[in-house]
Amino acid sequence: MDIPNTAARNRAAVFFMIGASALISGTSLLAKALGLPMGEVAGLHPFQVTAGRFWFGLVTLLVFLGARPALRPGFAGANWGLHMARVACGWLGVTSMFAAVAAMPVAEATAISFLAPLVTMALAVLMLGERLGLTKLAAAALALVGVTLILKPGTAAFQVAGLYALASAGFLGVEAIFIKRLSGSEPALRVLLMSNLLGSVVSLGVVAFVWAWPVAGQWALMALLGAVMVGAQACFVQALKRGEASLVMPVFYTVLVFAAVYDYALYDVVPDLLAGMGAALIVAGALLLAFRQPVRAALTRWRGRRDLRG
C-alpha cells in the first residue's frame, strides 16, 4: 500500500518496527529454550538452532505463497550479490545471538546486541546518504542510555558469551543496510523468500558437522521459531521500506521492553529499578521518533495562529 504522506509513512514504519521487536524478542526466548537441555536430552547447538529457524521459516513462507499464488515473487532482476551479502550477515548475526542467549541471560545478551542500531545509523550516513538530525540523535541517545541502565556495565553481562552478542550487533547492523537497499528496489516478499532460501542452503552445509536428532519438543520449538521469525522479518522489511534506516532502527530497542514483559509473564521475573528506568527511556525514544513530525507540525500551526493574533 502506497502512503503518500511522509509523516504517516514514518509512523507506519515505526509501528512495523515495534511489531518486529515483539516477535524477535519471542524468538530469543525460543532459541534460549532450544539451547537448554530438554529433560535428559541435551540442548541443540547454535548452528542447529539457526538451521531450524531458516528451514521452518522457508516452509512457512512457501505455505503462505502456495495459498496466495498471485503474490509469488519472481527471480528475474534479483540482485543476487546484495541478497547473498545480506544473508551472510544475517546468518552470522542470528547464530551469534543464539550462541549468546544459550550461555547468558536473554535480557543481557539482547542489551549488548543493541549496538546494532547504532552501527546501522552510522552506516546509513556513510552508505545511504541519510542525515542525522537533532531529533534522531536525541532519540538514539535516550535509547542508548536506556540500554546502558539495563545492561549495568561491570556486571556479569560482560563475560565471554557477551562477545557473541557484540559480534551479533555488528553483523545485524550491516545486514540492515543491505535490507534497506534491497527494500527500495525489490518486492518485500522476494527479499523474504531469498533470505530464507539462501539461509537454508547455508545452514544445510554447516549443520551437518553438529547435527543431533531433535526430540519432538525440540522439533515443535524449531517450527515455531521459524514461523515467528518470518513474521518478524516481514515487519522489519516493511519498516525499512517505509522509513529511513536511521529513523526506524532505534525503535528496535523496544525488543528489551518486550523481553521484560515476556520474562515477567513466563518466569515471574520483575525488572529492578534501573531496568525499569532504561525501558522507559527506550519507549520515550521510540515515541519521539514516531510522533516528531506531527508534533512539529502542530507547533508550527500553533505558532502561526499566535502570530496572526499578534
C-alpha atoms as a PDB file:
ATOM      1  CA  MET A   1       0.000   0.000   0.000  1.00  0.00           C
ATOM      2  CA  ASP A   2       1.362   3.386  -1.030  1.00  0.00           C
ATOM      3  CA  ILE A   3       1.430   6.002   1.723  1.00  0.00           C
ATOM      4  CA  PRO A   4       1.984   9.403   0.101  1.00  0.00           C
ATOM      5  CA  ASN A   5       2.224  11.402   3.301  1.00  0.00           C
ATOM      6  CA  THR A   6       5.760  11.372   4.730  1.00  0.00           C
ATOM      7  CA  ALA A   7       4.639  11.700   8.361  1.00  0.00           C
ATOM      8  CA  ALA A   8       2.139   8.849   8.005  1.00  0.00           C
ATOM      9  CA  ARG A   9       4.735   6.710   6.240  1.00  0.00           C
ATOM     10  CA  ASN A  10       7.254   7.248   9.022  1.00  0.00           C
ATOM     11  CA  ARG A  11       4.674   6.468  11.712  1.00  0.00           C
ATOM     12  CA  ALA A  12       3.756   3.252   9.893  1.00  0.00           C
ATOM     13  CA  ALA A  13       7.455   2.363   9.700  1.00  0.00           C
ATOM     14  CA  VAL A  14       7.864   2.856  13.448  1.00  0.00           C
ATOM     15  CA  PHE A  15       4.840   0.712  14.273  1.00  0.00           C
ATOM     16  CA  PHE A  16       6.023  -2.049  11.918  1.00  0.00           C
ATOM     17  CA  MET A  17       9.368  -1.989  13.737  1.00  0.00           C
ATOM     18  CA  ILE A  18       7.606  -2.272  17.099  1.00  0.00           C
ATOM     19  CA  GLY A  19       5.796  -5.354  15.760  1.00  0.00           C
ATOM     20  CA  ALA A  20       9.102  -6.800  14.571  1.00  0.00           C
ATOM     21  CA  SER A  21      10.596  -6.160  18.001  1.00  0.00           C
ATOM     22  CA  ALA A  22       7.783  -8.020  19.761  1.00  0.00           C
ATOM     23  CA  LEU A  23       8.275 -11.058  17.537  1.00  0.00           C
ATOM     24  CA  ILE A  24      12.078 -11.004  17.603  1.00  0.00           C
ATOM     25  CA  SER A  25      12.065 -10.908  21.390  1.00  0.00           C
ATOM     26  CA  GLY A  26       9.959 -14.061  21.289  1.00  0.00           C
ATOM     27  CA  THR A  27      12.471 -15.779  19.014  1.00  0.00           C
ATOM     28  CA  SER A  28      15.242 -15.119  21.538  1.00  0.00           C
ATOM     29  CA  LEU A  29      13.256 -16.924  24.219  1.00  0.00           C
ATOM     30  CA  LEU A  30      12.601 -19.838  21.843  1.00  0.00           C
ATOM     31  CA  ALA A  31      16.292 -20.023  20.943  1.00  0.00           C
ATOM     32  CA  LYS A  32      17.156 -19.975  24.648  1.00  0.00           C
ATOM     33  CA  ALA A  33      14.818 -22.924  25.267  1.00  0.00           C
ATOM     34  CA  LEU A  34      16.318 -24.867  22.353  1.00  0.00           C
ATOM     35  CA  GLY A  35      19.844 -24.313  23.638  1.00  0.00           C
ATOM     36  CA  LEU A  36      18.998 -25.685  27.085  1.00  0.00           C
ATOM     37  CA  PRO A  37      18.531 -29.389  27.964  1.00  0.00           C
ATOM     38  CA  MET A  38      15.007 -30.755  27.492  1.00  0.00           C
ATOM     39  CA  GLY A  39      14.608 -33.443  30.095  1.00  0.00           C
ATOM     40  CA  GLU A  40      17.510 -35.837  29.625  1.00  0.00           C
ATOM     41  CA  VAL A  41      18.182 -34.617  26.077  1.00  0.00           C
ATOM     42  CA  ALA A  42      20.980 -32.093  25.558  1.00  0.00           C
ATOM     43  CA  GLY A  43      20.261 -28.678  24.135  1.00  0.00           C
ATOM     44  CA  LEU A  44      20.838 -28.053  20.433  1.00  0.00           C
ATOM     45  CA  HIS A  45      23.979 -26.419  19.028  1.00  0.00           C
ATOM     46  CA  PRO A  46      23.506 -22.775  17.883  1.00  0.00           C
ATOM     47  CA  PHE A  47      24.209 -23.861  14.269  1.00  0.00           C
ATOM     48  CA  GLN A  48      21.330 -26.331  14.502  1.00  0.00           C
ATOM     49  CA  VAL A  49      19.003 -23.770  16.083  1.00  0.00           C
ATOM     50  CA  THR A  50      19.818 -21.346  13.254  1.00  0.00           C
ATOM     51  CA  ALA A  51      19.226 -24.078  10.675  1.00  0.00           C
ATOM     52  CA  GLY A  52      15.826 -24.828  12.184  1.00  0.00           C
ATOM     53  CA  ARG A  53      14.988 -21.144  12.121  1.00  0.00           C
ATOM     54  CA  PHE A  54      15.765 -20.901   8.368  1.00  0.00           C
ATOM     55  CA  TRP A  55      14.271 -24.250   7.334  1.00  0.00           C
ATOM     56  CA  PHE A  56      10.956 -23.755   9.059  1.00  0.00           C
ATOM     57  CA  GLY A  57      10.936 -20.105   8.070  1.00  0.00           C
ATOM     58  CA  LEU A  58      11.192 -21.192   4.434  1.00  0.00           C
ATOM     59  CA  VAL A  59       8.420 -23.769   4.904  1.00  0.00           C
ATOM     60  CA  THR A  60       6.157 -21.126   6.479  1.00  0.00           C
ATOM     61  CA  LEU A  61       6.794 -18.739   3.623  1.00  0.00           C
ATOM     62  CA  LEU A  62       6.227 -21.403   0.944  1.00  0.00           C
ATOM     63  CA  VAL A  63       2.920 -22.410   2.547  1.00  0.00           C
ATOM     64  CA  PHE A  64       1.818 -18.765   2.546  1.00  0.00           C
ATOM     65  CA  LEU A  65       2.824 -18.273  -1.095  1.00  0.00           C
ATOM     66  CA  GLY A  66       1.138 -21.553  -2.031  1.00  0.00           C
ATOM     67  CA  ALA A  67      -2.123 -20.218  -0.631  1.00  0.00           C
ATOM     68  CA  ARG A  68      -1.637 -16.837  -2.323  1.00  0.00           C
ATOM     69  CA  PRO A  69      -0.207 -17.616  -5.788  1.00  0.00           C
ATOM     70  CA  ALA A  70      -0.830 -14.072  -7.008  1.00  0.00           C
ATOM     71  CA  LEU A  71       1.783 -12.831  -4.535  1.00  0.00           C
ATOM     72  CA  ARG A  72       4.554 -15.203  -5.635  1.00  0.00           C
ATOM     73  CA  PRO A  73       7.635 -13.141  -6.488  1.00  0.00           C
ATOM     74  CA  GLY A  74       9.781 -13.956  -9.489  1.00  0.00           C
ATOM     75  CA  PHE A  75      13.558 -14.081  -9.509  1.00  0.00           C
ATOM     76  CA  ALA A  76      14.079 -12.035 -12.663  1.00  0.00           C
ATOM     77  CA  GLY A  77      16.157  -8.962 -11.942  1.00  0.00           C
ATOM     78  CA  ALA A  78      17.087 -10.061  -8.427  1.00  0.00           C
ATOM     79  CA  ASN A  79      20.268  -8.514  -7.047  1.00  0.00           C
ATOM     80  CA  TRP A  80      21.945 -11.794  -6.095  1.00  0.00           C
ATOM     81  CA  GLY A  81      25.067 -10.112  -4.777  1.00  0.00           C
ATOM     82  CA  LEU A  82      23.174  -7.976  -2.268  1.00  0.00           C
ATOM     83  CA  HIS A  83      20.924 -10.893  -1.299  1.00  0.00           C
ATOM     84  CA  MET A  84      23.932 -13.127  -0.601  1.00  0.00           C
ATOM     85  CA  ALA A  85      25.702 -10.407   1.385  1.00  0.00           C
ATOM     86  CA  ARG A  86      22.542  -9.772   3.402  1.00  0.00           C
ATOM     87  CA  VAL A  87      22.034 -13.490   4.100  1.00  0.00           C
ATOM     88  CA  ALA A  88      25.678 -13.952   5.138  1.00  0.00           C
ATOM     89  CA  CYS A  89      25.432 -11.102   7.664  1.00  0.00           C
ATOM     90  CA  GLY A  90      22.016 -12.269   8.842  1.00  0.00           C
ATOM     91  CA  TRP A  91      23.125 -15.874   9.313  1.00  0.00           C
ATOM     92  CA  LEU A  92      26.227 -14.825  11.248  1.00  0.00           C
ATOM     93  CA  GLY A  93      24.253 -12.323  13.324  1.00  0.00           C
ATOM     94  CA  VAL A  94      21.461 -14.759  14.213  1.00  0.00           C
ATOM     95  CA  THR A  95      23.875 -17.592  15.018  1.00  0.00           C
ATOM     96  CA  SER A  96      25.979 -15.304  17.227  1.00  0.00           C
ATOM     97  CA  MET A  97      22.863 -14.151  19.059  1.00  0.00           C
ATOM     98  CA  PHE A  98      21.585 -17.700  19.579  1.00  0.00           C
ATOM     99  CA  ALA A  99      25.019 -18.671  20.958  1.00  0.00           C
ATOM    100  CA  ALA A 100      24.883 -15.702  23.333  1.00  0.00           C
ATOM    101  CA  VAL A 101      21.381 -16.379  24.706  1.00  0.00           C
ATOM    102  CA  ALA A 102      22.287 -20.033  25.257  1.00  0.00           C
ATOM    103  CA  ALA A 103      25.130 -19.016  27.602  1.00  0.00           C
ATOM    104  CA  MET A 104      23.826 -15.876  29.352  1.00  0.00           C
ATOM    105  CA  PRO A 105      20.542 -14.167  30.319  1.00  0.00           C
ATOM    106  CA  VAL A 106      18.403 -13.165  27.341  1.00  0.00           C
ATOM    107  CA  ALA A 107      17.984  -9.568  28.511  1.00  0.00           C
ATOM    108  CA  GLU A 108      21.732  -9.049  28.920  1.00  0.00           C
ATOM    109  CA  ALA A 109      22.570 -10.584  25.543  1.00  0.00           C
ATOM    110  CA  THR A 110      19.839  -8.526  23.893  1.00  0.00           C
ATOM    111  CA  ALA A 111      21.107  -5.331  25.515  1.00  0.00           C
ATOM    112  CA  ILE A 112      24.645  -5.903  24.261  1.00  0.00           C
ATOM    113  CA  SER A 113      23.410  -6.736  20.759  1.00  0.00           C
ATOM    114  CA  PHE A 114      21.590  -3.420  20.638  1.00  0.00           C
ATOM    115  CA  LEU A 115      24.692  -1.721  19.432  1.00  0.00           C
ATOM    116  CA  ALA A 116      23.350  -2.869  16.031  1.00  0.00           C
ATOM    117  CA  PRO A 117      21.038   0.146  15.504  1.00  0.00           C
ATOM    118  CA  LEU A 118      23.943   2.487  16.226  1.00  0.00           C
ATOM    119  CA  VAL A 119      26.036   0.632  13.643  1.00  0.00           C
ATOM    120  CA  THR A 120      23.167   0.960  11.159  1.00  0.00           C
ATOM    121  CA  MET A 121      22.681   4.663  11.846  1.00  0.00           C
ATOM    122  CA  ALA A 122      26.374   5.355  11.282  1.00  0.00           C
ATOM    123  CA  LEU A 123      26.492   3.282   8.100  1.00  0.00           C
ATOM    124  CA  ALA A 124      23.268   4.885   6.820  1.00  0.00           C
ATOM    125  CA  VAL A 125      25.060   8.232   6.803  1.00  0.00           C
ATOM    126  CA  LEU A 126      28.128   6.839   5.025  1.00  0.00           C
ATOM    127  CA  MET A 127      26.470   4.405   2.597  1.00  0.00           C
ATOM    128  CA  LEU A 128      22.923   5.709   2.045  1.00  0.00           C
ATOM    129  CA  GLY A 129      23.480   9.442   2.327  1.00  0.00           C
ATOM    130  CA  GLU A 130      20.914   9.836   5.114  1.00  0.00           C
ATOM    131  CA  ARG A 131      21.050  12.747   7.530  1.00  0.00           C
ATOM    132  CA  LEU A 132      21.069  12.539  11.307  1.00  0.00           C
ATOM    133  CA  GLY A 133      19.000  15.407  12.627  1.00  0.00           C
ATOM    134  CA  LEU A 134      18.834  16.555  16.224  1.00  0.00           C
ATOM    135  CA  THR A 135      15.644  14.599  16.916  1.00  0.00           C
ATOM    136  CA  LYS A 136      17.105  11.316  15.663  1.00  0.00           C
ATOM    137  CA  LEU A 137      20.278  11.840  17.671  1.00  0.00           C
ATOM    138  CA  ALA A 138      18.262  12.650  20.791  1.00  0.00           C
ATOM    139  CA  ALA A 139      16.111   9.534  20.345  1.00  0.00           C
ATOM    140  CA  ALA A 140      19.208   7.390  19.797  1.00  0.00           C
ATOM    141  CA  ALA A 141      20.822   8.914  22.905  1.00  0.00           C
ATOM    142  CA  LEU A 142      17.739   8.127  25.006  1.00  0.00           C
ATOM    143  CA  ALA A 143      17.747   4.546  23.748  1.00  0.00           C
ATOM    144  CA  LEU A 144      21.483   4.147  24.348  1.00  0.00           C
ATOM    145  CA  VAL A 145      21.201   5.433  27.917  1.00  0.00           C
ATOM    146  CA  GLY A 146      18.269   3.087  28.442  1.00  0.00           C
ATOM    147  CA  VAL A 147      20.294   0.118  27.198  1.00  0.00           C
ATOM    148  CA  THR A 148      23.177   1.124  29.473  1.00  0.00           C
ATOM    149  CA  LEU A 149      20.881   1.204  32.508  1.00  0.00           C
ATOM    150  CA  ILE A 150      19.558  -2.263  31.707  1.00  0.00           C
ATOM    151  CA  LEU A 151      22.984  -3.636  30.859  1.00  0.00           C
ATOM    152  CA  LYS A 152      24.618  -2.304  34.051  1.00  0.00           C
ATOM    153  CA  PRO A 153      28.267  -2.153  32.919  1.00  0.00           C
ATOM    154  CA  GLY A 154      30.593  -4.091  35.171  1.00  0.00           C
ATOM    155  CA  THR A 155      28.110  -6.869  35.921  1.00  0.00           C
ATOM    156  CA  ALA A 156      28.100 -10.474  34.734  1.00  0.00           C
ATOM    157  CA  ALA A 157      26.725  -9.307  31.368  1.00  0.00           C
ATOM    158  CA  PHE A 158      30.340  -8.608  30.396  1.00  0.00           C
ATOM    159  CA  GLN A 159      31.559 -12.162  30.055  1.00  0.00           C
ATOM    160  CA  VAL A 160      32.931 -14.299  27.261  1.00  0.00           C
ATOM    161  CA  ALA A 161      29.428 -15.008  25.947  1.00  0.00           C
ATOM    162  CA  GLY A 162      28.968 -11.267  25.590  1.00  0.00           C
ATOM    163  CA  LEU A 163      31.437 -11.322  22.714  1.00  0.00           C
ATOM    164  CA  TYR A 164      28.905 -13.341  20.713  1.00  0.00           C
ATOM    165  CA  ALA A 165      26.301 -10.633  21.333  1.00  0.00           C
ATOM    166  CA  LEU A 166      28.781  -7.947  20.278  1.00  0.00           C
ATOM    167  CA  ALA A 167      29.500  -9.867  17.080  1.00  0.00           C
ATOM    168  CA  SER A 168      25.763 -10.198  16.501  1.00  0.00           C
ATOM    169  CA  ALA A 169      25.369  -6.424  16.821  1.00  0.00           C
ATOM    170  CA  GLY A 170      27.946  -5.781  14.139  1.00  0.00           C
ATOM    171  CA  PHE A 171      26.590  -8.336  11.669  1.00  0.00           C
ATOM    172  CA  LEU A 172      22.946  -7.323  12.126  1.00  0.00           C
ATOM    173  CA  GLY A 173      23.805  -3.648  11.842  1.00  0.00           C
ATOM    174  CA  VAL A 174      25.407  -4.229   8.434  1.00  0.00           C
ATOM    175  CA  GLU A 175      22.535  -6.527   7.400  1.00  0.00           C
ATOM    176  CA  ALA A 176      20.034  -3.723   7.988  1.00  0.00           C
ATOM    177  CA  ILE A 177      21.861  -1.585   5.429  1.00  0.00           C
ATOM    178  CA  PHE A 178      21.608  -4.360   2.831  1.00  0.00           C
ATOM    179  CA  ILE A 179      17.898  -4.786   3.658  1.00  0.00           C
ATOM    180  CA  LYS A 180      17.335  -1.062   3.205  1.00  0.00           C
ATOM    181  CA  ARG A 181      18.998  -1.168  -0.214  1.00  0.00           C
ATOM    182  CA  LEU A 182      17.010  -4.232  -1.266  1.00  0.00           C
ATOM    183  CA  SER A 183      13.675  -2.943   0.050  1.00  0.00           C
ATOM    184  CA  GLY A 184      13.980   0.138  -2.120  1.00  0.00           C
ATOM    185  CA  SER A 185      14.335  -1.830  -5.354  1.00  0.00           C
ATOM    186  CA  GLU A 186      12.808  -5.281  -4.851  1.00  0.00           C
ATOM    187  CA  PRO A 187       9.438  -6.655  -3.652  1.00  0.00           C
ATOM    188  CA  ALA A 188       9.292  -7.349   0.074  1.00  0.00           C
ATOM    189  CA  LEU A 189       8.226 -10.966  -0.481  1.00  0.00           C
ATOM    190  CA  ARG A 190      11.207 -11.603  -2.751  1.00  0.00           C
ATOM    191  CA  VAL A 191      13.511 -10.231  -0.048  1.00  0.00           C
ATOM    192  CA  LEU A 192      11.923 -12.611   2.480  1.00  0.00           C
ATOM    193  CA  LEU A 193      11.980 -15.590   0.131  1.00  0.00           C
ATOM    194  CA  MET A 194      15.608 -15.084  -0.890  1.00  0.00           C
ATOM    195  CA  SER A 195      16.647 -14.622   2.731  1.00  0.00           C
ATOM    196  CA  ASN A 196      15.104 -17.878   3.904  1.00  0.00           C
ATOM    197  CA  LEU A 197      16.034 -19.824   0.777  1.00  0.00           C
ATOM    198  CA  LEU A 198      19.699 -18.838   0.772  1.00  0.00           C
ATOM    199  CA  GLY A 199      19.843 -19.066   4.571  1.00  0.00           C
ATOM    200  CA  SER A 200      18.545 -22.631   4.415  1.00  0.00           C
ATOM    201  CA  VAL A 201      21.216 -23.564   1.879  1.00  0.00           C
ATOM    202  CA  VAL A 202      23.996 -22.055   4.017  1.00  0.00           C
ATOM    203  CA  SER A 203      22.637 -23.708   7.169  1.00  0.00           C
ATOM    204  CA  LEU A 204      22.430 -27.082   5.456  1.00  0.00           C
ATOM    205  CA  GLY A 205      26.134 -27.010   4.679  1.00  0.00           C
ATOM    206  CA  VAL A 206      27.121 -26.089   8.240  1.00  0.00           C
ATOM    207  CA  VAL A 207      24.708 -28.039  10.434  1.00  0.00           C
ATOM    208  CA  ALA A 208      25.948 -31.412   9.167  1.00  0.00           C
ATOM    209  CA  PHE A 209      29.029 -31.006  11.400  1.00  0.00           C
ATOM    210  CA  VAL A 210      26.996 -30.608  14.619  1.00  0.00           C
ATOM    211  CA  TRP A 211      23.766 -32.454  13.840  1.00  0.00           C
ATOM    212  CA  ALA A 212      21.953 -34.201  16.706  1.00  0.00           C
ATOM    213  CA  TRP A 213      18.497 -35.644  16.123  1.00  0.00           C
ATOM    214  CA  PRO A 214      15.956 -33.444  17.953  1.00  0.00           C
ATOM    215  CA  VAL A 215      13.172 -34.841  20.122  1.00  0.00           C
ATOM    216  CA  ALA A 216       9.529 -33.977  19.401  1.00  0.00           C
ATOM    217  CA  GLY A 217       9.523 -30.957  21.687  1.00  0.00           C
ATOM    218  CA  GLN A 218      12.604 -29.526  20.015  1.00  0.00           C
ATOM    219  CA  TRP A 219      11.102 -30.021  16.556  1.00  0.00           C
ATOM    220  CA  ALA A 220       7.996 -28.143  17.676  1.00  0.00           C
ATOM    221  CA  LEU A 221      10.021 -25.261  19.096  1.00  0.00           C
ATOM    222  CA  MET A 222      12.106 -25.009  15.904  1.00  0.00           C
ATOM    223  CA  ALA A 223       8.937 -24.924  13.783  1.00  0.00           C
ATOM    224  CA  LEU A 224       7.514 -22.155  15.974  1.00  0.00           C
ATOM    225  CA  LEU A 225      10.835 -20.311  15.848  1.00  0.00           C
ATOM    226  CA  GLY A 226      10.828 -20.348  12.038  1.00  0.00           C
ATOM    227  CA  ALA A 227       7.222 -19.142  11.764  1.00  0.00           C
ATOM    228  CA  VAL A 228       7.676 -16.328  14.279  1.00  0.00           C
ATOM    229  CA  MET A 229      10.912 -15.210  12.638  1.00  0.00           C
ATOM    230  CA  VAL A 230       9.231 -14.922   9.217  1.00  0.00           C
ATOM    231  CA  GLY A 231       6.601 -12.671  10.773  1.00  0.00           C
ATOM    232  CA  ALA A 232       9.344 -10.592  12.368  1.00  0.00           C
ATOM    233  CA  GLN A 233      11.205 -10.359   9.051  1.00  0.00           C
ATOM    234  CA  ALA A 234       8.062  -9.213   7.254  1.00  0.00           C
ATOM    235  CA  CYS A 235       7.508  -6.416   9.773  1.00  0.00           C
ATOM    236  CA  PHE A 236      11.210  -5.482   9.703  1.00  0.00           C
ATOM    237  CA  VAL A 237      11.351  -5.214   5.910  1.00  0.00           C
ATOM    238  CA  GLN A 238       8.129  -3.176   5.817  1.00  0.00           C
ATOM    239  CA  ALA A 239       9.551  -0.794   8.428  1.00  0.00           C
ATOM    240  CA  LEU A 240      12.717  -0.183   6.416  1.00  0.00           C
ATOM    241  CA  LYS A 241      10.705   0.090   3.196  1.00  0.00           C
ATOM    242  CA  ARG A 242       8.597   2.926   4.610  1.00  0.00           C
ATOM    243  CA  GLY A 243      11.071   4.894   6.731  1.00  0.00           C
ATOM    244  CA  GLU A 244      14.716   5.907   6.806  1.00  0.00           C
ATOM    245  CA  ALA A 245      17.045   3.363   8.395  1.00  0.00           C
ATOM    246  CA  SER A 246      18.326   5.982  10.836  1.00  0.00           C
ATOM    247  CA  LEU A 247      14.728   6.749  11.838  1.00  0.00           C
ATOM    248  CA  VAL A 248      13.341   3.276  12.456  1.00  0.00           C
ATOM    249  CA  MET A 249      16.357   1.336  13.722  1.00  0.00           C
ATOM    250  CA  PRO A 250      16.455   2.989  17.189  1.00  0.00           C
ATOM    251  CA  VAL A 251      12.868   1.740  17.657  1.00  0.00           C
ATOM    252  CA  PHE A 252      14.369  -1.753  17.586  1.00  0.00           C
ATOM    253  CA  TYR A 253      15.395  -1.069  21.199  1.00  0.00           C
ATOM    254  CA  THR A 254      11.809  -1.897  22.223  1.00  0.00           C
ATOM    255  CA  VAL A 255      12.824  -5.559  21.992  1.00  0.00           C
ATOM    256  CA  LEU A 256      14.135  -5.070  25.527  1.00  0.00           C
ATOM    257  CA  VAL A 257      10.732  -3.916  26.715  1.00  0.00           C
ATOM    258  CA  PHE A 258       9.042  -6.965  25.219  1.00  0.00           C
ATOM    259  CA  ALA A 259      11.726  -9.235  26.675  1.00  0.00           C
ATOM    260  CA  ALA A 260      10.976  -7.844  30.138  1.00  0.00           C
ATOM    261  CA  VAL A 261       7.238  -8.409  29.637  1.00  0.00           C
ATOM    262  CA  TYR A 262       7.795 -11.967  28.433  1.00  0.00           C
ATOM    263  CA  ASP A 263      10.143 -12.687  31.339  1.00  0.00           C
ATOM    264  CA  TYR A 264       7.502 -11.498  33.782  1.00  0.00           C
ATOM    265  CA  ALA A 265       4.677 -13.402  32.090  1.00  0.00           C
ATOM    266  CA  LEU A 266       6.587 -16.681  31.704  1.00  0.00           C
ATOM    267  CA  TYR A 267       9.076 -16.695  34.568  1.00  0.00           C
ATOM    268  CA  ASP A 268       7.678 -14.106  37.012  1.00  0.00           C
ATOM    269  CA  VAL A 269      10.886 -12.044  36.689  1.00  0.00           C
ATOM    270  CA  VAL A 270      10.393  -8.432  37.799  1.00  0.00           C
ATOM    271  CA  PRO A 271      12.914  -5.885  36.434  1.00  0.00           C
ATOM    272  CA  ASP A 272      14.761  -3.810  39.013  1.00  0.00           C
ATOM    273  CA  LEU A 273      14.511  -0.014  39.212  1.00  0.00           C
ATOM    274  CA  LEU A 274      17.376   0.675  36.800  1.00  0.00           C
ATOM    275  CA  ALA A 275      15.988  -1.778  34.248  1.00  0.00           C
ATOM    276  CA  GLY A 276      12.583  -0.135  34.514  1.00  0.00           C
ATOM    277  CA  MET A 277      14.100   3.309  34.001  1.00  0.00           C
ATOM    278  CA  GLY A 278      16.026   2.011  30.998  1.00  0.00           C
ATOM    279  CA  ALA A 279      12.880   0.558  29.440  1.00  0.00           C
ATOM    280  CA  ALA A 280      11.075   3.874  29.965  1.00  0.00           C
ATOM    281  CA  LEU A 281      13.863   5.752  28.163  1.00  0.00           C
ATOM    282  CA  ILE A 282      13.752   3.283  25.272  1.00  0.00           C
ATOM    283  CA  VAL A 283       9.997   3.767  24.896  1.00  0.00           C
ATOM    284  CA  ALA A 284      10.463   7.543  25.113  1.00  0.00           C
ATOM    285  CA  GLY A 285      12.976   7.421  22.267  1.00  0.00           C
ATOM    286  CA  ALA A 286      10.610   5.347  20.124  1.00  0.00           C
ATOM    287  CA  LEU A 287       7.705   7.730  20.762  1.00  0.00           C
ATOM    288  CA  LEU A 288       9.912  10.714  19.959  1.00  0.00           C
ATOM    289  CA  LEU A 289      10.667   9.206  16.556  1.00  0.00           C
ATOM    290  CA  ALA A 290       7.089   8.141  15.890  1.00  0.00           C
ATOM    291  CA  PHE A 291       5.475  11.477  16.635  1.00  0.00           C
ATOM    292  CA  ARG A 292       8.198  14.024  15.940  1.00  0.00           C
ATOM    293  CA  GLN A 293       6.677  15.243  12.676  1.00  0.00           C
ATOM    294  CA  PRO A 294       3.039  15.548  13.891  1.00  0.00           C
ATOM    295  CA  VAL A 295       4.229  17.411  16.986  1.00  0.00           C
ATOM    296  CA  ARG A 296       6.439  19.673  14.871  1.00  0.00           C
ATOM    297  CA  ALA A 297       3.510  20.377  12.518  1.00  0.00           C
ATOM    298  CA  ALA A 298       1.197  21.124  15.453  1.00  0.00           C
ATOM    299  CA  LEU A 299       3.743  23.528  16.938  1.00  0.00           C
ATOM    300  CA  THR A 300       4.119  25.251  13.560  1.00  0.00           C
ATOM    301  CA  ARG A 301       0.341  25.684  13.262  1.00  0.00           C
ATOM    302  CA  TRP A 302       0.114  26.964  16.841  1.00  0.00           C
ATOM    303  CA  ARG A 303       2.871  29.496  16.232  1.00  0.00           C
ATOM    304  CA  GLY A 304       1.181  30.603  13.000  1.00  0.00           C
ATOM    305  CA  ARG A 305      -2.113  31.201  14.783  1.00  0.00           C
ATOM    306  CA  ARG A 306      -0.322  33.040  17.576  1.00  0.00           C
ATOM    307  CA  ASP A 307       1.443  35.286  15.050  1.00  0.00           C
ATOM    308  CA  LEU A 308      -1.870  36.050  13.352  1.00  0.00           C
ATOM    309  CA  ARG A 309      -3.445  37.035  16.647  1.00  0.00           C
ATOM    310  CA  GLY A 310      -0.433  39.234  17.403  1.00  0.00           C
END
